[in-house]
């Protein structure tokens, strides 16, 4: 089962999650999305937390909407 999980590294604050074309193509072939990125650093000002937690989640949802075989997104 673990060989089916492929982590990709990007930037949730960027469009298409900051993924290179190859990684984005791999993500778009997937059936599941596990979105586990977040900032819990309360010492940050509002702007960085909004960027990471709200805009980042929106960017993940935008990519998930492009996935033709999406079954489930877990946030």
Protein backbone atom coordinates (compact mmCIF):
# COMPACT_ATOMS: atom_id res chain seq x y z
CA UNK A 1 0.00 0.00 0.00
CA UNK A 2 2.75 2.50 0.88
CA UNK A 3 4.30 2.18 -2.57
CA UNK A 4 1.14 3.78 -3.95
CA UNK A 5 1.67 6.97 -1.93
CA UNK A 6 3.85 9.48 -3.71
CA UNK A 7 4.65 12.71 -1.89
CA UNK A 8 5.22 15.77 -4.04
CA UNK A 9 6.95 18.91 -2.91
CA UNK A 10 5.64 22.28 -3.92
CA UNK A 11 4.33 25.53 -2.53
CA UNK A 12 0.67 25.68 -1.60
CA UNK A 13 0.77 29.48 -1.79
CA UNK A 14 1.53 29.29 -5.54
CA UNK A 15 -0.81 28.52 -8.45
CA UNK A 16 -0.74 24.82 -9.37
CA UNK A 17 0.92 24.36 -5.98
CA UNK A 18 4.26 25.42 -7.42
CA UNK A 19 4.65 21.96 -8.96
CA UNK A 20 6.82 21.30 -11.98
CA UNK A 21 4.97 19.97 -15.05
CA UNK A 22 5.94 16.34 -14.33
CA UNK A 23 4.76 16.43 -10.72
CA UNK A 24 1.55 18.26 -11.65
CA UNK A 25 0.82 15.64 -14.32
CA UNK A 26 1.38 12.88 -11.74
CA UNK A 27 -0.95 14.60 -9.27
CA UNK A 28 -3.66 15.02 -11.90
CA UNK A 29 -3.58 11.24 -12.57
CA UNK A 30 -4.32 10.50 -8.91
CA UNK A 31 -7.62 9.52 -7.32
CA UNK A 32 -7.01 10.93 -3.83
CA UNK A 33 -5.76 14.18 -2.31
CA UNK A 34 -4.47 14.42 1.24
CA UNK A 35 -4.07 18.08 2.13
CA UNK A 36 -2.15 18.29 5.39
CA UNK A 37 -0.27 21.58 5.02
CA UNK A 38 -1.08 24.31 7.53
CA UNK A 39 0.47 26.90 9.76
CA UNK A 40 -0.23 26.79 13.47
CA UNK A 41 2.31 29.47 14.34
CA UNK A 42 0.28 31.95 16.33
CA UNK A 43 3.19 34.37 16.57
CA UNK A 44 2.83 35.18 12.86
CA UNK A 45 0.76 38.14 11.79
CA UNK A 46 -2.57 37.60 10.10
CA UNK A 47 -1.35 37.91 6.50
CA UNK A 48 1.08 34.91 6.48
CA UNK A 49 -1.46 32.70 8.24
CA UNK A 50 -4.20 33.66 5.78
CA UNK A 51 -1.84 33.02 2.87
CA UNK A 52 -0.86 29.58 4.15
CA UNK A 53 -4.16 28.37 5.57
CA UNK A 54 -6.82 29.95 3.35
CA UNK A 55 -5.14 30.71 0.02
CA UNK A 56 -3.14 27.49 0.27
CA UNK A 57 -6.29 25.43 0.75
CA UNK A 58 -7.96 27.21 -2.16
CA UNK A 59 -4.97 26.38 -4.38
CA UNK A 60 -5.19 22.70 -3.37
CA UNK A 61 -8.92 22.70 -4.18
CA UNK A 62 -8.22 24.35 -7.56
CA UNK A 63 -5.79 21.57 -8.48
CA UNK A 64 -8.20 18.91 -7.17
CA UNK A 65 -10.90 20.30 -9.49
CA UNK A 66 -8.59 19.56 -12.45
CA UNK A 67 -8.29 15.88 -11.49
CA UNK A 68 -10.64 13.89 -13.76
CA UNK A 69 -10.45 10.74 -11.60
CA UNK A 70 -10.74 12.38 -8.18
CA UNK A 71 -12.62 10.19 -5.68
CA UNK A 72 -11.78 11.84 -2.40
CA UNK A 73 -10.04 14.87 -0.94
CA UNK A 74 -9.09 14.72 2.72
CA UNK A 75 -8.27 18.01 4.43
